[in-house]
N, C-alpha and C. Protein backbone atom coordinates (compact mmCIF):
# COMPACT_ATOMS: atom_id res chain seq x y z
N MET A 1 -56.26 36.68 4.13
CA MET A 1 -55.47 37.87 4.39
C MET A 1 -54.41 37.53 5.44
N LYS A 2 -53.18 37.92 5.14
CA LYS A 2 -52.08 37.63 6.06
C LYS A 2 -52.03 38.64 7.19
N THR A 3 -51.71 38.14 8.37
CA THR A 3 -51.48 39.03 9.51
C THR A 3 -49.99 39.30 9.60
N VAL A 4 -49.59 40.15 10.50
CA VAL A 4 -48.19 40.52 10.65
C VAL A 4 -47.70 40.05 12.01
N ARG A 5 -46.55 39.38 12.02
CA ARG A 5 -45.93 38.93 13.26
C ARG A 5 -44.58 39.61 13.36
N GLN A 6 -44.21 40.08 14.54
CA GLN A 6 -42.97 40.83 14.68
C GLN A 6 -41.92 40.03 15.44
N LEU A 7 -40.69 40.10 14.92
CA LEU A 7 -39.51 39.56 15.58
C LEU A 7 -38.54 40.72 15.73
N THR A 8 -38.23 41.10 16.94
CA THR A 8 -37.37 42.25 17.17
C THR A 8 -36.32 41.90 18.19
N THR A 9 -35.11 42.40 17.98
CA THR A 9 -34.06 42.19 18.96
C THR A 9 -33.16 43.41 19.01
N ASN A 10 -32.46 43.54 20.09
CA ASN A 10 -31.44 44.56 20.24
C ASN A 10 -30.11 43.81 20.18
N ALA A 11 -29.30 44.06 19.19
CA ALA A 11 -28.11 43.25 18.93
C ALA A 11 -27.12 43.26 20.08
N GLY A 12 -27.22 44.16 21.00
CA GLY A 12 -26.29 44.19 22.12
C GLY A 12 -26.77 43.39 23.31
N SER A 13 -28.01 42.93 23.28
CA SER A 13 -28.54 42.23 24.44
C SER A 13 -27.93 40.83 24.54
N GLN A 14 -27.89 40.32 25.74
CA GLN A 14 -27.33 39.00 25.98
C GLN A 14 -28.41 37.95 25.78
N LEU A 15 -28.04 36.81 25.22
CA LEU A 15 -28.98 35.73 25.02
C LEU A 15 -29.51 35.22 26.35
N GLN A 16 -28.74 35.36 27.43
CA GLN A 16 -29.17 34.89 28.74
C GLN A 16 -30.44 35.61 29.20
N LYS A 17 -30.74 36.77 28.68
CA LYS A 17 -31.92 37.53 29.09
C LYS A 17 -33.19 37.00 28.45
N ARG A 18 -33.09 36.08 27.49
CA ARG A 18 -34.26 35.53 26.85
C ARG A 18 -35.02 34.64 27.82
N THR A 19 -36.32 34.57 27.68
CA THR A 19 -37.12 33.68 28.50
C THR A 19 -37.12 32.33 27.83
N LEU A 20 -36.59 31.35 28.55
CA LEU A 20 -36.51 30.00 28.01
C LEU A 20 -37.35 29.08 28.88
N PRO A 21 -38.09 28.16 28.25
CA PRO A 21 -38.93 27.26 29.04
C PRO A 21 -38.08 26.26 29.81
N SER A 22 -38.59 25.85 30.96
CA SER A 22 -37.91 24.85 31.76
C SER A 22 -38.18 23.47 31.18
N ARG A 23 -37.17 22.60 31.24
CA ARG A 23 -37.38 21.23 30.78
C ARG A 23 -38.17 20.43 31.80
N ASN A 24 -38.20 20.90 33.04
CA ASN A 24 -38.93 20.22 34.09
C ASN A 24 -40.34 20.79 34.14
N SER A 25 -41.30 20.07 33.58
CA SER A 25 -42.66 20.60 33.47
C SER A 25 -43.37 20.67 34.82
N ASN A 26 -42.81 20.03 35.86
CA ASN A 26 -43.43 20.06 37.18
C ASN A 26 -43.09 21.33 37.95
N SER A 27 -42.23 22.16 37.39
CA SER A 27 -41.78 23.34 38.12
C SER A 27 -41.72 24.54 37.20
N ASN A 28 -42.00 25.71 37.74
CA ASN A 28 -41.85 26.94 36.98
C ASN A 28 -40.45 27.51 37.13
N PHE A 29 -39.62 26.87 37.95
CA PHE A 29 -38.27 27.34 38.23
C PHE A 29 -37.30 26.72 37.23
N THR A 30 -36.44 27.55 36.62
CA THR A 30 -35.41 27.08 35.72
C THR A 30 -34.07 27.44 36.33
N SER A 31 -33.25 26.43 36.60
CA SER A 31 -31.95 26.70 37.22
C SER A 31 -31.00 27.33 36.21
N SER A 32 -29.95 27.98 36.72
CA SER A 32 -28.99 28.62 35.82
C SER A 32 -28.28 27.58 34.97
N ASN A 33 -28.07 26.37 35.48
CA ASN A 33 -27.45 25.31 34.67
C ASN A 33 -28.36 24.91 33.52
N GLU A 34 -29.69 24.81 33.78
CA GLU A 34 -30.64 24.49 32.71
C GLU A 34 -30.66 25.59 31.66
N ILE A 35 -30.63 26.85 32.09
CA ILE A 35 -30.63 27.97 31.15
C ILE A 35 -29.37 27.92 30.28
N GLU A 36 -28.19 27.72 30.90
CA GLU A 36 -26.94 27.64 30.13
C GLU A 36 -26.98 26.50 29.14
N GLU A 37 -27.54 25.35 29.55
CA GLU A 37 -27.65 24.20 28.66
C GLU A 37 -28.57 24.52 27.49
N GLN A 38 -29.71 25.19 27.76
CA GLN A 38 -30.64 25.54 26.70
C GLN A 38 -30.04 26.57 25.76
N ILE A 39 -29.28 27.53 26.29
CA ILE A 39 -28.63 28.55 25.46
C ILE A 39 -27.63 27.89 24.53
N SER A 40 -26.81 26.97 25.06
CA SER A 40 -25.83 26.32 24.19
C SER A 40 -26.53 25.46 23.15
N THR A 41 -27.68 24.86 23.49
CA THR A 41 -28.43 24.09 22.52
C THR A 41 -28.95 24.99 21.41
N VAL A 42 -29.48 26.16 21.76
CA VAL A 42 -29.95 27.12 20.77
C VAL A 42 -28.79 27.55 19.88
N GLN A 43 -27.66 27.89 20.50
CA GLN A 43 -26.48 28.32 19.76
C GLN A 43 -26.01 27.20 18.83
N ASP A 44 -26.01 25.96 19.33
CA ASP A 44 -25.53 24.82 18.54
C ASP A 44 -26.34 24.61 17.28
N ALA A 45 -27.66 24.80 17.33
CA ALA A 45 -28.51 24.58 16.17
C ALA A 45 -28.09 25.48 15.01
N GLU A 46 -27.89 26.76 15.28
CA GLU A 46 -27.51 27.69 14.22
C GLU A 46 -26.08 27.42 13.73
N VAL A 47 -25.16 27.16 14.66
CA VAL A 47 -23.77 26.89 14.29
C VAL A 47 -23.70 25.62 13.44
N ASN A 48 -24.42 24.57 13.85
CA ASN A 48 -24.43 23.33 13.07
C ASN A 48 -25.00 23.54 11.69
N LEU A 49 -26.05 24.34 11.59
CA LEU A 49 -26.63 24.64 10.29
C LEU A 49 -25.62 25.34 9.40
N LEU A 50 -24.94 26.37 9.93
CA LEU A 50 -23.97 27.12 9.14
C LEU A 50 -22.75 26.28 8.77
N LYS A 51 -22.36 25.34 9.65
CA LYS A 51 -21.18 24.51 9.40
C LYS A 51 -21.47 23.37 8.45
N SER A 52 -22.61 22.70 8.63
CA SER A 52 -22.81 21.46 7.89
C SER A 52 -24.08 21.42 7.04
N GLY A 53 -24.91 22.45 7.12
CA GLY A 53 -26.11 22.48 6.29
C GLY A 53 -25.76 22.78 4.84
N GLU A 54 -26.69 22.49 3.95
CA GLU A 54 -26.47 22.75 2.52
C GLU A 54 -27.04 24.12 2.16
N LEU A 55 -26.16 24.99 1.67
CA LEU A 55 -26.52 26.35 1.33
C LEU A 55 -27.08 26.42 -0.08
N THR A 56 -28.26 27.04 -0.25
CA THR A 56 -28.82 27.25 -1.58
C THR A 56 -28.27 28.55 -2.17
N TYR A 57 -28.47 29.66 -1.47
CA TYR A 57 -27.99 30.97 -1.95
C TYR A 57 -27.43 31.77 -0.79
N LYS A 58 -26.43 32.58 -1.12
CA LYS A 58 -25.87 33.56 -0.19
C LYS A 58 -25.86 34.88 -0.94
N ILE A 59 -26.61 35.87 -0.42
CA ILE A 59 -26.75 37.16 -1.10
C ILE A 59 -26.19 38.24 -0.19
N PRO A 60 -24.86 38.51 -0.27
CA PRO A 60 -24.26 39.53 0.60
C PRO A 60 -24.77 40.93 0.27
N MET A 61 -24.98 41.72 1.30
CA MET A 61 -25.42 43.11 1.13
C MET A 61 -24.70 43.98 2.15
N ASN A 62 -24.69 45.27 1.86
CA ASN A 62 -24.19 46.24 2.83
C ASN A 62 -25.26 47.32 3.00
N VAL A 63 -24.99 48.29 3.84
CA VAL A 63 -25.96 49.33 4.15
C VAL A 63 -26.37 50.09 2.88
N GLU A 64 -25.41 50.38 2.01
CA GLU A 64 -25.71 51.12 0.77
C GLU A 64 -26.63 50.31 -0.14
N ASP A 65 -26.39 48.99 -0.25
CA ASP A 65 -27.26 48.14 -1.07
C ASP A 65 -28.70 48.19 -0.57
N ILE A 66 -28.86 48.13 0.74
CA ILE A 66 -30.20 48.12 1.32
C ILE A 66 -30.86 49.49 1.17
N SER A 67 -30.09 50.57 1.27
CA SER A 67 -30.68 51.90 1.11
C SER A 67 -31.19 52.12 -0.32
N ARG A 68 -30.68 51.35 -1.29
CA ARG A 68 -31.15 51.43 -2.68
C ARG A 68 -32.14 50.31 -3.00
N PHE A 69 -32.66 49.64 -1.99
CA PHE A 69 -33.51 48.47 -2.15
C PHE A 69 -34.79 48.77 -2.91
N GLY A 70 -35.35 49.96 -2.69
CA GLY A 70 -36.62 50.31 -3.34
C GLY A 70 -37.81 49.84 -2.54
N ASP A 71 -38.99 49.96 -3.13
CA ASP A 71 -40.24 49.63 -2.43
C ASP A 71 -40.68 48.18 -2.61
N GLY A 72 -40.20 47.53 -3.66
CA GLY A 72 -40.67 46.19 -3.98
C GLY A 72 -40.01 45.10 -3.15
N ASN A 73 -40.56 43.90 -3.27
CA ASN A 73 -40.00 42.72 -2.63
C ASN A 73 -39.03 42.02 -3.58
N ARG A 74 -38.11 41.29 -3.00
CA ARG A 74 -37.21 40.43 -3.77
C ARG A 74 -37.52 39.00 -3.41
N GLU A 75 -37.14 38.10 -4.30
CA GLU A 75 -37.44 36.69 -4.11
C GLU A 75 -36.17 35.91 -3.82
N LEU A 76 -36.25 35.01 -2.85
CA LEU A 76 -35.13 34.15 -2.48
C LEU A 76 -35.62 32.72 -2.52
N PHE A 77 -34.92 31.87 -3.25
CA PHE A 77 -35.30 30.46 -3.39
C PHE A 77 -34.50 29.63 -2.40
N ILE A 78 -35.17 28.70 -1.72
CA ILE A 78 -34.51 27.79 -0.80
C ILE A 78 -34.93 26.37 -1.15
N LYS A 79 -33.97 25.57 -1.59
CA LYS A 79 -34.25 24.18 -1.93
C LYS A 79 -34.67 23.41 -0.69
N SER A 80 -35.37 22.30 -0.91
CA SER A 80 -35.74 21.43 0.20
C SER A 80 -34.46 20.94 0.89
N SER A 81 -34.52 20.79 2.20
CA SER A 81 -33.40 20.33 3.03
C SER A 81 -32.20 21.27 3.02
N CYS A 82 -32.39 22.53 2.66
CA CYS A 82 -31.29 23.49 2.55
C CYS A 82 -31.64 24.79 3.28
N TYR A 83 -30.73 25.74 3.21
CA TYR A 83 -30.96 27.07 3.78
C TYR A 83 -30.33 28.11 2.86
N SER A 84 -30.76 29.36 3.01
CA SER A 84 -30.17 30.49 2.29
C SER A 84 -29.91 31.59 3.31
N ILE A 85 -28.89 32.42 3.03
CA ILE A 85 -28.58 33.50 3.96
C ILE A 85 -28.41 34.82 3.22
N ILE A 86 -28.70 35.88 3.95
CA ILE A 86 -28.44 37.24 3.48
C ILE A 86 -27.51 37.87 4.52
N PRO A 87 -26.19 37.83 4.28
CA PRO A 87 -25.27 38.51 5.21
C PRO A 87 -25.30 40.01 4.94
N ILE A 88 -25.51 40.79 5.99
CA ILE A 88 -25.54 42.25 5.87
C ILE A 88 -24.33 42.79 6.62
N ILE A 89 -23.45 43.48 5.90
CA ILE A 89 -22.25 44.06 6.50
C ILE A 89 -22.58 45.48 6.96
N VAL A 90 -22.36 45.73 8.25
CA VAL A 90 -22.64 47.04 8.83
C VAL A 90 -21.35 47.54 9.47
N ASN A 91 -20.95 48.77 9.11
CA ASN A 91 -19.69 49.33 9.59
C ASN A 91 -19.82 50.29 10.76
N GLU A 92 -21.05 50.68 11.12
CA GLU A 92 -21.20 51.59 12.25
C GLU A 92 -22.36 51.16 13.14
N SER A 93 -22.17 51.33 14.43
CA SER A 93 -23.23 50.96 15.37
C SER A 93 -24.33 52.03 15.35
N GLY A 94 -25.49 51.65 15.85
CA GLY A 94 -26.62 52.58 15.88
C GLY A 94 -27.57 52.41 14.71
N THR A 95 -27.13 51.75 13.65
CA THR A 95 -27.97 51.51 12.49
C THR A 95 -29.07 50.51 12.85
N THR A 96 -30.25 50.69 12.28
CA THR A 96 -31.35 49.74 12.49
C THR A 96 -31.63 49.03 11.17
N ILE A 97 -31.62 47.71 11.21
CA ILE A 97 -31.95 46.87 10.05
C ILE A 97 -33.37 46.37 10.25
N SER A 98 -34.22 46.54 9.24
CA SER A 98 -35.60 46.06 9.31
C SER A 98 -35.86 45.09 8.18
N TRP A 99 -36.71 44.10 8.43
CA TRP A 99 -37.06 43.13 7.41
C TRP A 99 -38.55 42.82 7.48
N VAL A 100 -39.07 42.42 6.33
CA VAL A 100 -40.44 41.94 6.20
C VAL A 100 -40.35 40.77 5.22
N PHE A 101 -40.98 39.64 5.55
CA PHE A 101 -40.95 38.53 4.60
C PHE A 101 -42.19 37.66 4.72
N SER A 102 -42.44 36.94 3.64
CA SER A 102 -43.47 35.91 3.59
C SER A 102 -42.90 34.75 2.78
N SER A 103 -43.52 33.60 2.87
CA SER A 103 -43.01 32.42 2.17
C SER A 103 -44.11 31.70 1.42
N GLU A 104 -43.71 30.92 0.42
CA GLU A 104 -44.62 30.07 -0.33
C GLU A 104 -43.90 28.75 -0.58
N PRO A 105 -44.55 27.63 -0.61
CA PRO A 105 -45.96 27.42 -0.34
C PRO A 105 -46.25 27.14 1.13
N LYS A 106 -45.20 26.95 1.95
CA LYS A 106 -45.42 26.61 3.36
C LYS A 106 -44.48 27.42 4.25
N SER A 107 -44.37 27.01 5.52
CA SER A 107 -43.59 27.75 6.52
C SER A 107 -42.09 27.68 6.25
N ILE A 108 -41.35 28.58 6.90
CA ILE A 108 -39.89 28.67 6.79
C ILE A 108 -39.36 28.99 8.19
N SER A 109 -38.16 28.53 8.50
CA SER A 109 -37.53 28.91 9.77
C SER A 109 -36.63 30.11 9.53
N PHE A 110 -36.51 30.96 10.53
CA PHE A 110 -35.76 32.21 10.40
C PHE A 110 -34.88 32.40 11.63
N SER A 111 -33.71 32.97 11.41
CA SER A 111 -32.78 33.26 12.50
C SER A 111 -31.93 34.46 12.11
N VAL A 112 -31.38 35.14 13.11
CA VAL A 112 -30.40 36.19 12.88
C VAL A 112 -29.18 35.85 13.73
N VAL A 113 -28.02 35.84 13.07
CA VAL A 113 -26.76 35.51 13.72
C VAL A 113 -25.76 36.64 13.46
N TYR A 114 -24.96 36.97 14.47
CA TYR A 114 -23.94 38.02 14.35
C TYR A 114 -22.56 37.38 14.27
N GLN A 115 -21.72 37.91 13.36
CA GLN A 115 -20.31 37.54 13.27
C GLN A 115 -19.51 38.83 13.19
N GLU A 116 -18.32 38.84 13.80
CA GLU A 116 -17.48 40.04 13.73
C GLU A 116 -17.10 40.36 12.29
N SER A 117 -16.93 39.32 11.46
CA SER A 117 -16.68 39.49 10.03
C SER A 117 -17.13 38.21 9.34
N LEU A 118 -17.26 38.26 8.01
CA LEU A 118 -17.66 37.06 7.28
C LEU A 118 -16.58 35.98 7.33
N GLU A 119 -15.34 36.38 7.62
CA GLU A 119 -14.23 35.44 7.69
C GLU A 119 -14.10 34.82 9.09
N ALA A 120 -14.82 35.32 10.07
CA ALA A 120 -14.74 34.81 11.44
C ALA A 120 -15.20 33.36 11.49
N PRO A 121 -14.61 32.56 12.37
CA PRO A 121 -15.06 31.16 12.50
C PRO A 121 -16.52 31.11 12.94
N VAL A 122 -17.25 30.18 12.36
CA VAL A 122 -18.68 30.03 12.66
C VAL A 122 -18.90 29.80 14.16
N GLU A 123 -17.98 29.12 14.81
CA GLU A 123 -18.11 28.82 16.23
C GLU A 123 -18.15 30.09 17.09
N LYS A 124 -17.64 31.20 16.56
CA LYS A 124 -17.63 32.46 17.31
C LYS A 124 -18.87 33.31 17.03
N SER A 125 -19.81 32.78 16.28
CA SER A 125 -21.05 33.49 15.97
C SER A 125 -21.89 33.65 17.22
N LYS A 126 -22.69 34.71 17.24
CA LYS A 126 -23.62 34.94 18.34
C LYS A 126 -25.04 34.94 17.77
N VAL A 127 -25.88 34.12 18.35
CA VAL A 127 -27.27 34.03 17.91
C VAL A 127 -28.06 35.17 18.54
N LEU A 128 -28.65 36.01 17.70
CA LEU A 128 -29.46 37.13 18.18
C LEU A 128 -30.94 36.76 18.20
N ILE A 129 -31.38 36.05 17.18
CA ILE A 129 -32.74 35.50 17.15
C ILE A 129 -32.58 34.01 16.84
N PRO A 130 -32.93 33.14 17.78
CA PRO A 130 -32.79 31.70 17.53
C PRO A 130 -33.68 31.25 16.38
N LEU A 131 -33.32 30.12 15.76
CA LEU A 131 -34.14 29.58 14.68
C LEU A 131 -35.58 29.45 15.16
N THR A 132 -36.47 30.08 14.42
CA THR A 132 -37.89 30.12 14.77
C THR A 132 -38.70 29.73 13.55
N ARG A 133 -39.53 28.73 13.70
CA ARG A 133 -40.39 28.32 12.60
C ARG A 133 -41.50 29.35 12.44
N CYS A 134 -41.58 29.95 11.27
CA CYS A 134 -42.54 31.02 11.01
C CYS A 134 -43.58 30.56 10.01
N ASN A 135 -44.85 30.76 10.33
CA ASN A 135 -45.92 30.47 9.38
C ASN A 135 -46.05 31.63 8.41
N ALA A 136 -44.95 31.91 7.72
CA ALA A 136 -44.89 33.07 6.83
C ALA A 136 -45.74 32.88 5.58
N HIS A 137 -46.28 31.70 5.37
CA HIS A 137 -47.21 31.48 4.27
C HIS A 137 -48.63 31.93 4.67
N LYS A 138 -48.84 32.12 5.99
CA LYS A 138 -50.14 32.57 6.50
C LYS A 138 -50.11 34.01 6.99
N GLU A 139 -48.94 34.46 7.48
CA GLU A 139 -48.83 35.82 8.01
C GLU A 139 -47.48 36.41 7.60
N THR A 140 -47.48 37.71 7.39
CA THR A 140 -46.25 38.42 7.04
C THR A 140 -45.43 38.59 8.31
N ILE A 141 -44.15 38.28 8.23
CA ILE A 141 -43.26 38.39 9.37
C ILE A 141 -42.44 39.66 9.21
N GLN A 142 -42.38 40.46 10.26
CA GLN A 142 -41.55 41.66 10.20
C GLN A 142 -40.76 41.78 11.48
N GLY A 143 -39.61 42.42 11.37
CA GLY A 143 -38.78 42.59 12.55
C GLY A 143 -37.71 43.62 12.30
N GLN A 144 -36.97 43.91 13.35
CA GLN A 144 -35.88 44.87 13.22
C GLN A 144 -34.82 44.56 14.25
N LEU A 145 -33.65 45.10 14.00
CA LEU A 145 -32.50 44.85 14.84
C LEU A 145 -31.68 46.13 14.91
N LYS A 146 -31.36 46.55 16.11
CA LYS A 146 -30.50 47.72 16.28
C LYS A 146 -29.07 47.23 16.44
N VAL A 147 -28.21 47.68 15.56
CA VAL A 147 -26.82 47.24 15.53
C VAL A 147 -26.04 47.89 16.67
N ARG A 148 -25.41 47.07 17.50
CA ARG A 148 -24.56 47.56 18.58
C ARG A 148 -23.09 47.49 18.22
N ASN A 149 -22.73 46.52 17.37
CA ASN A 149 -21.34 46.33 16.98
C ASN A 149 -21.23 46.19 15.47
N PRO A 150 -20.23 46.84 14.86
CA PRO A 150 -20.01 46.63 13.43
C PRO A 150 -19.72 45.15 13.17
N GLY A 151 -20.08 44.67 11.99
CA GLY A 151 -19.83 43.28 11.65
C GLY A 151 -20.84 42.78 10.64
N ALA A 152 -20.98 41.45 10.59
CA ALA A 152 -21.88 40.80 9.65
C ALA A 152 -23.10 40.27 10.41
N TYR A 153 -24.28 40.65 9.96
CA TYR A 153 -25.53 40.18 10.52
C TYR A 153 -26.17 39.26 9.49
N LEU A 154 -26.27 37.97 9.82
CA LEU A 154 -26.75 36.97 8.87
C LEU A 154 -28.24 36.72 9.08
N LEU A 155 -29.04 37.04 8.07
CA LEU A 155 -30.45 36.67 8.08
C LEU A 155 -30.52 35.28 7.46
N ILE A 156 -30.95 34.30 8.24
CA ILE A 156 -30.95 32.90 7.79
C ILE A 156 -32.38 32.46 7.55
N PHE A 157 -32.63 31.93 6.36
CA PHE A 157 -33.92 31.34 6.01
C PHE A 157 -33.66 29.85 5.85
N ASP A 158 -34.19 29.06 6.78
CA ASP A 158 -33.85 27.64 6.87
C ASP A 158 -35.03 26.77 6.45
N ASN A 159 -34.76 25.90 5.49
CA ASN A 159 -35.76 24.95 5.01
C ASN A 159 -35.25 23.52 5.18
N SER A 160 -34.28 23.34 6.07
CA SER A 160 -33.67 22.01 6.24
C SER A 160 -34.66 20.99 6.82
N PHE A 161 -35.73 21.45 7.45
CA PHE A 161 -36.74 20.55 8.02
C PHE A 161 -37.64 19.94 6.95
N SER A 162 -37.64 20.50 5.74
CA SER A 162 -38.54 20.06 4.67
C SER A 162 -37.77 19.18 3.68
N ARG A 163 -38.07 17.90 3.66
CA ARG A 163 -37.31 16.97 2.81
C ARG A 163 -37.68 17.07 1.34
N PHE A 164 -38.90 17.49 1.02
CA PHE A 164 -39.35 17.43 -0.37
C PHE A 164 -39.82 18.75 -0.96
N VAL A 165 -40.16 19.73 -0.11
CA VAL A 165 -40.78 20.96 -0.61
C VAL A 165 -39.79 22.12 -0.58
N SER A 166 -39.46 22.66 -1.74
CA SER A 166 -38.66 23.88 -1.83
C SER A 166 -39.55 25.07 -1.52
N LYS A 167 -38.94 26.18 -1.10
CA LYS A 167 -39.72 27.36 -0.71
C LYS A 167 -39.21 28.59 -1.45
N LYS A 168 -40.10 29.56 -1.56
CA LYS A 168 -39.74 30.90 -2.02
C LYS A 168 -40.01 31.85 -0.88
N VAL A 169 -39.07 32.75 -0.63
CA VAL A 169 -39.26 33.78 0.38
C VAL A 169 -39.29 35.12 -0.35
N PHE A 170 -40.31 35.91 -0.09
CA PHE A 170 -40.44 37.25 -0.65
C PHE A 170 -40.09 38.21 0.48
N TYR A 171 -39.01 38.97 0.30
CA TYR A 171 -38.52 39.79 1.41
C TYR A 171 -38.27 41.22 0.99
N HIS A 172 -38.32 42.09 1.99
CA HIS A 172 -37.98 43.49 1.81
C HIS A 172 -37.12 43.91 2.99
N LEU A 173 -36.03 44.62 2.71
CA LEU A 173 -35.12 45.09 3.76
C LEU A 173 -35.10 46.61 3.76
N ALA A 174 -34.88 47.18 4.93
CA ALA A 174 -34.75 48.64 5.05
C ALA A 174 -33.67 48.93 6.09
N ILE A 175 -33.08 50.09 5.96
CA ILE A 175 -32.00 50.52 6.86
C ILE A 175 -32.35 51.89 7.39
N GLU A 176 -32.08 52.11 8.66
CA GLU A 176 -32.26 53.44 9.25
C GLU A 176 -30.95 53.78 9.95
N LYS A 177 -30.28 54.79 9.43
CA LYS A 177 -29.00 55.20 10.02
C LYS A 177 -29.27 56.08 11.23
N PRO A 178 -28.35 56.05 12.20
CA PRO A 178 -28.55 56.88 13.40
C PRO A 178 -28.52 58.36 13.05
N ILE A 179 -29.32 59.12 13.75
CA ILE A 179 -29.32 60.59 13.57
C ILE A 179 -28.28 61.17 14.50
N ILE A 180 -27.32 61.85 13.93
CA ILE A 180 -26.27 62.46 14.73
C ILE A 180 -26.42 63.97 14.68
N TYR A 181 -26.63 64.55 15.83
CA TYR A 181 -26.82 66.00 15.92
C TYR A 181 -25.45 66.66 16.03
N ASP A 182 -25.17 67.56 15.10
CA ASP A 182 -23.86 68.25 15.11
C ASP A 182 -23.96 69.71 15.55
N GLY A 183 -25.18 70.17 15.90
CA GLY A 183 -25.36 71.52 16.39
C GLY A 183 -25.34 72.59 15.29
N SER A 184 -25.35 72.17 14.03
CA SER A 184 -25.22 73.14 12.94
C SER A 184 -26.51 73.88 12.62
N ASP A 185 -27.63 73.56 13.21
CA ASP A 185 -28.86 74.25 12.87
C ASP A 185 -29.12 75.48 13.77
N SER A 186 -28.18 75.84 14.62
CA SER A 186 -28.35 77.05 15.44
C SER A 186 -28.12 78.30 14.59
N PRO A 187 -28.83 79.38 14.90
CA PRO A 187 -28.68 80.62 14.11
C PRO A 187 -27.35 81.29 14.32
């Protein structure tokens, strides 16, 4: 039986607020220079993947597509040594994007990256969830993201670490639009 693991982020938060391990194992103190170096390393991994990795599939979606998603899961194939992305175009802030996924036959890496538009240079991307190896073949992974800025939110499923084994990802997406009170329910 699979357990559930959650990955959640607030799209407006700064990456600097993440807890990053110190490279100096003799100390619990991480200097600001070490943090900046680790942040750029995290950012570089996703940017390098998007720039030079081999893409298997790109499945663009918008809020309306996800609202018609239904209850079932969809399947995404990722060849060995490749990655696939689901860019989600969001035009208004306050929307919450939720995902649930599992993989077969083994683990998959997952990341969420923000771009102002799909045409924006990859170097200007902001990593919201760094590449994380998920044992999605053993536990269901779920997460959500609250949109702070309109733009493209890329859900990245990375299998570049696997030289010989292709993967299938079974995913479900949901959207929750912000509730805006207009005062019209008064008598």
